C-alpha cells in the first residue's frame, strides 16, 4: 500500500504546493488506485505541510512546484517529491504509477506571487 498526495485545486494539480486549496490523497496498491479522499489545506506555514502529510502516511507528493525548504523536509522524511506535474490530479497519479511521471525539479523561489513559480 502506498499513499500519494497531490496538491490540487478542483481536481487539478496546482502550480504551487503550499497555496493549493486541498490535497487529494490516493491509496494505491499494485499500481492501482484503490480509493481517494480530499483534505482541505490546513494552511501554509513554513515546515508545517510536509509534517502534516507525513502524519497522514503519505509516501509521495505530486505538485506543479514547491519551495526548497518543503522539498528538504519531505526528503528527510523519505517522502518522494514529484514537481513539474500539470493537469488532472488522478491522471497524474496514474501516470506516476505507470512510471510515466518524473520530477522536473521545478523549485519555487518566490512566495509572494500566487501561482507564479517560474516553471
N, C-alpha and C. Protein backbone atom coordinates (compact mmCIF):
# COMPACT_ATOMS: atom_id res chain seq x y z
N UNK A 1 0.85 -1.19 0.00
CA UNK A 1 0.00 0.00 0.00
C UNK A 1 0.88 1.24 0.00
N UNK A 2 0.57 2.18 -0.87
CA UNK A 2 1.29 3.44 -0.95
C UNK A 2 0.26 4.56 -0.99
N UNK A 3 0.57 5.66 -0.28
CA UNK A 3 -0.30 6.85 -0.31
C UNK A 3 0.40 7.94 -1.11
N UNK A 4 -0.34 8.47 -2.07
CA UNK A 4 0.18 9.53 -2.92
C UNK A 4 -0.72 10.76 -2.74
N UNK A 5 -0.10 11.88 -2.36
CA UNK A 5 -0.84 13.13 -2.21
C UNK A 5 -0.57 14.03 -3.41
N UNK A 6 -1.61 14.74 -3.84
CA UNK A 6 -1.47 15.69 -4.93
C UNK A 6 -1.97 17.05 -4.44
N UNK A 7 -1.12 18.07 -4.54
CA UNK A 7 -1.55 19.43 -4.24
C UNK A 7 -2.52 19.83 -5.35
N UNK A 8 -3.77 20.12 -4.97
CA UNK A 8 -4.79 20.27 -6.00
C UNK A 8 -5.74 21.45 -5.76
N UNK A 9 -6.42 21.78 -6.84
CA UNK A 9 -7.45 22.80 -6.84
C UNK A 9 -8.52 22.32 -7.81
N UNK A 10 -9.66 21.96 -7.27
CA UNK A 10 -10.77 21.45 -8.10
C UNK A 10 -10.35 20.26 -8.97
N UNK A 11 -9.59 19.34 -8.40
CA UNK A 11 -9.20 18.13 -9.11
C UNK A 11 -8.02 18.27 -10.04
N UNK A 12 -7.44 19.46 -10.10
CA UNK A 12 -6.29 19.71 -10.97
C UNK A 12 -5.03 19.95 -10.13
N UNK A 13 -3.88 19.53 -10.65
CA UNK A 13 -2.61 19.77 -9.97
C UNK A 13 -2.37 21.28 -9.92
N UNK A 14 -2.02 21.80 -8.74
CA UNK A 14 -1.76 23.23 -8.61
C UNK A 14 -0.30 23.54 -8.90
N UNK A 15 -0.05 24.80 -9.26
CA UNK A 15 1.30 25.24 -9.59
C UNK A 15 2.20 25.33 -8.36
N UNK A 16 1.63 25.70 -7.21
CA UNK A 16 2.45 25.84 -6.01
C UNK A 16 1.87 25.03 -4.87
N UNK A 17 2.66 24.12 -4.37
CA UNK A 17 2.30 23.20 -3.31
C UNK A 17 1.64 23.89 -2.11
N UNK A 18 2.27 24.89 -1.52
CA UNK A 18 1.79 25.50 -0.29
C UNK A 18 0.51 26.28 -0.42
N UNK A 19 0.17 26.72 -1.64
CA UNK A 19 -1.01 27.55 -1.84
C UNK A 19 -2.19 26.78 -2.44
N UNK A 20 -2.11 25.47 -2.46
CA UNK A 20 -3.22 24.69 -3.01
C UNK A 20 -4.44 24.82 -2.10
N UNK A 21 -5.61 24.57 -2.66
CA UNK A 21 -6.83 24.58 -1.85
C UNK A 21 -6.98 23.30 -1.05
N UNK A 22 -6.49 22.21 -1.62
CA UNK A 22 -6.66 20.91 -0.95
C UNK A 22 -5.58 19.93 -1.39
N UNK A 23 -5.55 18.82 -0.70
CA UNK A 23 -4.69 17.70 -1.08
C UNK A 23 -5.59 16.52 -1.38
N UNK A 24 -5.43 15.96 -2.58
CA UNK A 24 -6.12 14.71 -2.89
C UNK A 24 -5.15 13.61 -2.51
N UNK A 25 -5.61 12.70 -1.66
CA UNK A 25 -4.76 11.61 -1.20
C UNK A 25 -5.31 10.31 -1.76
N UNK A 26 -4.46 9.62 -2.50
CA UNK A 26 -4.84 8.38 -3.18
C UNK A 26 -4.17 7.20 -2.49
N UNK A 27 -4.96 6.22 -2.08
CA UNK A 27 -4.42 4.96 -1.58
C UNK A 27 -4.24 4.05 -2.79
N UNK A 28 -3.02 3.55 -2.98
CA UNK A 28 -2.74 2.71 -4.14
C UNK A 28 -2.17 1.37 -3.69
N UNK A 29 -2.42 0.39 -4.51
CA UNK A 29 -1.89 -0.94 -4.27
C UNK A 29 -1.71 -1.63 -5.61
N UNK A 30 -0.58 -2.28 -5.81
CA UNK A 30 -0.29 -2.97 -7.07
C UNK A 30 -0.50 -2.05 -8.28
N UNK A 31 -0.02 -0.81 -8.17
CA UNK A 31 -0.10 0.19 -9.24
C UNK A 31 -1.53 0.55 -9.64
N UNK A 32 -2.46 0.38 -8.71
CA UNK A 32 -3.86 0.73 -8.95
C UNK A 32 -4.34 1.66 -7.84
N UNK A 33 -5.19 2.62 -8.20
CA UNK A 33 -5.81 3.48 -7.21
C UNK A 33 -6.96 2.71 -6.56
N UNK A 34 -6.89 2.57 -5.25
CA UNK A 34 -7.92 1.83 -4.52
C UNK A 34 -9.01 2.77 -3.99
N UNK A 35 -8.59 3.95 -3.50
CA UNK A 35 -9.55 4.95 -3.04
C UNK A 35 -8.86 6.30 -2.97
N UNK A 36 -9.67 7.34 -2.87
CA UNK A 36 -9.11 8.68 -2.74
C UNK A 36 -9.97 9.50 -1.80
N UNK A 37 -9.34 10.51 -1.21
CA UNK A 37 -10.05 11.45 -0.38
C UNK A 37 -9.44 12.83 -0.59
N UNK A 38 -10.22 13.86 -0.35
CA UNK A 38 -9.73 15.22 -0.48
C UNK A 38 -9.74 15.87 0.90
N UNK A 39 -8.61 16.45 1.25
CA UNK A 39 -8.45 17.10 2.55
C UNK A 39 -8.11 18.57 2.29
N UNK A 40 -8.83 19.48 2.94
CA UNK A 40 -8.55 20.90 2.77
C UNK A 40 -7.13 21.22 3.26
N UNK A 41 -6.48 22.15 2.58
CA UNK A 41 -5.17 22.61 3.00
C UNK A 41 -5.34 23.31 4.36
N UNK A 42 -4.67 22.82 5.41
CA UNK A 42 -4.85 23.42 6.73
C UNK A 42 -4.11 24.74 6.92
N UNK A 43 -3.38 25.19 5.91
CA UNK A 43 -2.71 26.48 5.99
C UNK A 43 -1.24 26.39 5.65
N UNK A 44 -0.74 27.44 5.03
CA UNK A 44 0.66 27.49 4.58
C UNK A 44 1.50 28.19 5.64
N UNK A 45 2.30 27.38 6.36
CA UNK A 45 3.26 27.89 7.33
C UNK A 45 4.56 27.14 7.09
N UNK A 46 5.69 27.81 7.16
CA UNK A 46 6.97 27.13 6.88
C UNK A 46 7.13 25.83 7.68
N UNK A 47 7.36 24.74 6.94
CA UNK A 47 7.62 23.44 7.55
C UNK A 47 6.41 22.66 7.99
N UNK A 48 5.23 23.27 8.00
CA UNK A 48 4.04 22.59 8.54
C UNK A 48 3.49 21.51 7.61
N UNK A 49 3.28 21.83 6.33
CA UNK A 49 2.60 20.90 5.43
C UNK A 49 3.35 19.59 5.22
N UNK A 50 4.69 19.58 5.07
CA UNK A 50 5.36 18.28 4.95
C UNK A 50 5.15 17.38 6.16
N UNK A 51 5.14 17.97 7.35
CA UNK A 51 4.89 17.17 8.55
C UNK A 51 3.43 16.71 8.62
N UNK A 52 2.51 17.58 8.23
CA UNK A 52 1.08 17.24 8.17
C UNK A 52 0.85 16.04 7.27
N UNK A 53 1.43 16.07 6.07
CA UNK A 53 1.25 14.96 5.13
C UNK A 53 1.98 13.70 5.58
N UNK A 54 3.12 13.86 6.21
CA UNK A 54 3.82 12.71 6.78
C UNK A 54 2.94 12.03 7.83
N UNK A 55 2.29 12.82 8.66
CA UNK A 55 1.40 12.27 9.69
C UNK A 55 0.20 11.54 9.08
N UNK A 56 -0.16 11.89 7.85
CA UNK A 56 -1.25 11.21 7.13
C UNK A 56 -0.77 9.92 6.46
N UNK A 57 0.54 9.63 6.54
CA UNK A 57 1.08 8.41 5.97
C UNK A 57 1.44 8.51 4.50
N UNK A 58 1.59 9.73 3.99
CA UNK A 58 1.89 9.93 2.57
C UNK A 58 3.31 9.46 2.26
N UNK A 59 3.47 8.77 1.11
CA UNK A 59 4.76 8.29 0.63
C UNK A 59 5.31 9.10 -0.53
N UNK A 60 4.40 9.75 -1.28
CA UNK A 60 4.76 10.52 -2.47
C UNK A 60 3.92 11.78 -2.49
N UNK A 61 4.53 12.92 -2.85
CA UNK A 61 3.78 14.17 -3.05
C UNK A 61 4.00 14.64 -4.48
N UNK A 62 2.91 15.01 -5.15
CA UNK A 62 2.95 15.50 -6.53
C UNK A 62 2.43 16.93 -6.53
N UNK A 63 3.16 17.82 -7.21
CA UNK A 63 2.76 19.23 -7.29
C UNK A 63 3.35 19.84 -8.56
N UNK A 64 2.85 21.02 -8.91
CA UNK A 64 3.43 21.75 -10.03
C UNK A 64 4.80 22.30 -9.65
N UNK A 65 4.87 22.93 -8.49
CA UNK A 65 6.12 23.49 -7.99
C UNK A 65 6.12 23.47 -6.48
N UNK A 66 7.31 23.64 -5.89
CA UNK A 66 7.43 23.55 -4.45
C UNK A 66 8.71 24.26 -4.03
N UNK A 67 8.68 24.88 -2.87
CA UNK A 67 9.86 25.54 -2.34
C UNK A 67 10.91 24.55 -1.87
N UNK A 68 12.15 24.99 -1.88
CA UNK A 68 13.27 24.13 -1.49
C UNK A 68 13.17 23.66 -0.05
N UNK A 69 12.65 24.51 0.85
CA UNK A 69 12.52 24.12 2.26
C UNK A 69 11.58 22.94 2.43
N UNK A 70 10.44 22.97 1.74
CA UNK A 70 9.49 21.86 1.81
C UNK A 70 10.10 20.60 1.22
N UNK A 71 10.79 20.74 0.09
CA UNK A 71 11.44 19.57 -0.53
C UNK A 71 12.43 18.94 0.44
N UNK A 72 13.21 19.77 1.12
CA UNK A 72 14.19 19.25 2.10
C UNK A 72 13.51 18.46 3.21
N UNK A 73 12.40 18.98 3.73
CA UNK A 73 11.69 18.28 4.82
C UNK A 73 11.11 16.96 4.31
N UNK A 74 10.51 16.97 3.11
CA UNK A 74 9.99 15.72 2.55
C UNK A 74 11.12 14.71 2.39
N UNK A 75 12.28 15.16 1.88
CA UNK A 75 13.42 14.25 1.70
C UNK A 75 13.88 13.67 3.03
N UNK A 76 13.89 14.48 4.09
CA UNK A 76 14.27 13.99 5.43
C UNK A 76 13.32 12.90 5.92
N UNK A 77 12.07 12.98 5.47
CA UNK A 77 11.05 12.02 5.90
C UNK A 77 10.89 10.88 4.91
N UNK A 78 11.81 10.81 3.93
CA UNK A 78 11.78 9.77 2.90
C UNK A 78 10.47 9.75 2.11
N UNK A 79 9.93 10.93 1.86
CA UNK A 79 8.74 11.08 1.02
C UNK A 79 9.23 11.57 -0.35
N UNK A 80 8.87 10.82 -1.39
CA UNK A 80 9.30 11.18 -2.74
C UNK A 80 8.57 12.43 -3.21
N UNK A 81 9.30 13.36 -3.80
CA UNK A 81 8.73 14.61 -4.30
C UNK A 81 8.75 14.60 -5.83
N UNK A 82 7.58 14.81 -6.42
CA UNK A 82 7.45 14.94 -7.87
C UNK A 82 6.92 16.35 -8.14
N UNK A 83 7.75 17.19 -8.76
CA UNK A 83 7.31 18.54 -9.12
C UNK A 83 7.38 18.71 -10.63
N UNK A 84 6.63 19.67 -11.12
CA UNK A 84 6.54 19.91 -12.56
C UNK A 84 5.32 19.25 -13.17
N UNK A 85 4.45 18.66 -12.33
CA UNK A 85 3.24 18.00 -12.84
C UNK A 85 2.19 19.04 -13.20
N UNK A 86 1.32 18.68 -14.13
CA UNK A 86 0.22 19.54 -14.56
C UNK A 86 -0.99 18.68 -14.88
N UNK A 87 -2.14 19.34 -14.97
CA UNK A 87 -3.35 18.66 -15.42
C UNK A 87 -4.14 18.00 -14.30
N UNK A 88 -4.93 17.01 -14.67
CA UNK A 88 -5.81 16.31 -13.77
C UNK A 88 -5.02 15.54 -12.71
N UNK A 89 -5.41 15.69 -11.44
CA UNK A 89 -4.68 15.06 -10.32
C UNK A 89 -4.69 13.54 -10.41
N UNK A 90 -5.84 12.95 -10.67
CA UNK A 90 -5.92 11.49 -10.76
C UNK A 90 -5.09 10.98 -11.93
N UNK A 91 -5.11 11.67 -13.05
CA UNK A 91 -4.31 11.27 -14.20
C UNK A 91 -2.82 11.35 -13.88
N UNK A 92 -2.42 12.35 -13.08
CA UNK A 92 -1.02 12.46 -12.67
C UNK A 92 -0.60 11.27 -11.83
N UNK A 93 -1.49 10.84 -10.91
CA UNK A 93 -1.19 9.67 -10.08
C UNK A 93 -1.09 8.42 -10.94
N UNK A 94 -2.01 8.26 -11.87
CA UNK A 94 -1.98 7.10 -12.77
C UNK A 94 -0.68 7.09 -13.57
N UNK A 95 -0.27 8.26 -14.09
CA UNK A 95 0.99 8.35 -14.83
C UNK A 95 2.17 7.99 -13.93
N UNK A 96 2.16 8.45 -12.69
CA UNK A 96 3.23 8.11 -11.75
C UNK A 96 3.28 6.60 -11.53
N UNK A 97 2.13 5.99 -11.31
CA UNK A 97 2.08 4.54 -11.05
C UNK A 97 2.57 3.73 -12.25
N UNK A 98 2.41 4.29 -13.46
CA UNK A 98 2.86 3.62 -14.68
C UNK A 98 4.31 3.95 -15.01
N UNK A 99 4.94 4.79 -14.16
CA UNK A 99 6.33 5.16 -14.40
C UNK A 99 6.51 6.24 -15.44
N UNK A 100 5.40 6.91 -15.82
CA UNK A 100 5.46 7.91 -16.88
C UNK A 100 5.56 9.35 -16.35
N UNK A 101 5.49 9.55 -15.05
CA UNK A 101 5.57 10.89 -14.48
C UNK A 101 6.86 11.00 -13.68
N UNK A 102 7.72 11.90 -14.11
CA UNK A 102 9.01 12.12 -13.45
C UNK A 102 9.09 13.56 -12.98
N UNK A 103 9.84 13.80 -11.93
CA UNK A 103 10.01 15.14 -11.41
C UNK A 103 10.90 15.96 -12.34
N UNK A 104 10.50 17.22 -12.56
CA UNK A 104 11.31 18.11 -13.39
C UNK A 104 12.26 18.94 -12.53
N UNK A 105 12.10 18.86 -11.21
CA UNK A 105 12.94 19.65 -10.32
C UNK A 105 12.53 21.10 -10.26
N UNK A 106 11.26 21.41 -10.55
CA UNK A 106 10.76 22.78 -10.55
C UNK A 106 10.64 23.31 -9.13
N UNK A 107 11.65 24.06 -8.70
CA UNK A 107 11.68 24.59 -7.34
C UNK A 107 11.23 26.04 -7.36
N UNK A 108 10.30 26.39 -6.49
CA UNK A 108 9.80 27.76 -6.38
C UNK A 108 10.75 28.57 -5.50
N UNK A 109 11.07 29.77 -5.96
CA UNK A 109 11.95 30.65 -5.20
C UNK A 109 11.23 31.90 -4.71
N UNK A 110 10.09 32.22 -5.31
CA UNK A 110 9.33 33.41 -4.92
C UNK A 110 8.01 32.97 -4.31
N UNK A 111 7.73 33.43 -3.10
CA UNK A 111 6.49 33.03 -2.44
C UNK A 111 5.45 34.14 -2.39
N UNK A 112 5.79 35.34 -2.81
CA UNK A 112 4.82 36.42 -2.71
C UNK A 112 3.85 36.47 -3.88
N UNK A 113 4.12 35.76 -4.95
CA UNK A 113 3.24 35.81 -6.12
C UNK A 113 2.53 34.48 -6.30
N UNK A 114 1.27 34.42 -5.93
CA UNK A 114 0.47 33.20 -6.05
C UNK A 114 0.47 32.72 -7.49
N UNK A 115 0.75 31.44 -7.68
CA UNK A 115 0.65 30.82 -8.99
C UNK A 115 1.81 31.16 -9.93
N UNK A 116 2.88 31.76 -9.43
CA UNK A 116 3.99 32.14 -10.28
C UNK A 116 5.27 31.51 -9.76
N UNK A 117 5.52 30.27 -10.16
CA UNK A 117 6.68 29.55 -9.65
C UNK A 117 7.82 29.49 -10.64
N UNK A 118 7.65 30.08 -11.80
CA UNK A 118 8.72 30.07 -12.78
C UNK A 118 9.02 28.69 -13.33
N UNK A 119 7.97 27.92 -13.60
CA UNK A 119 8.15 26.56 -14.12
C UNK A 119 8.93 26.58 -15.40
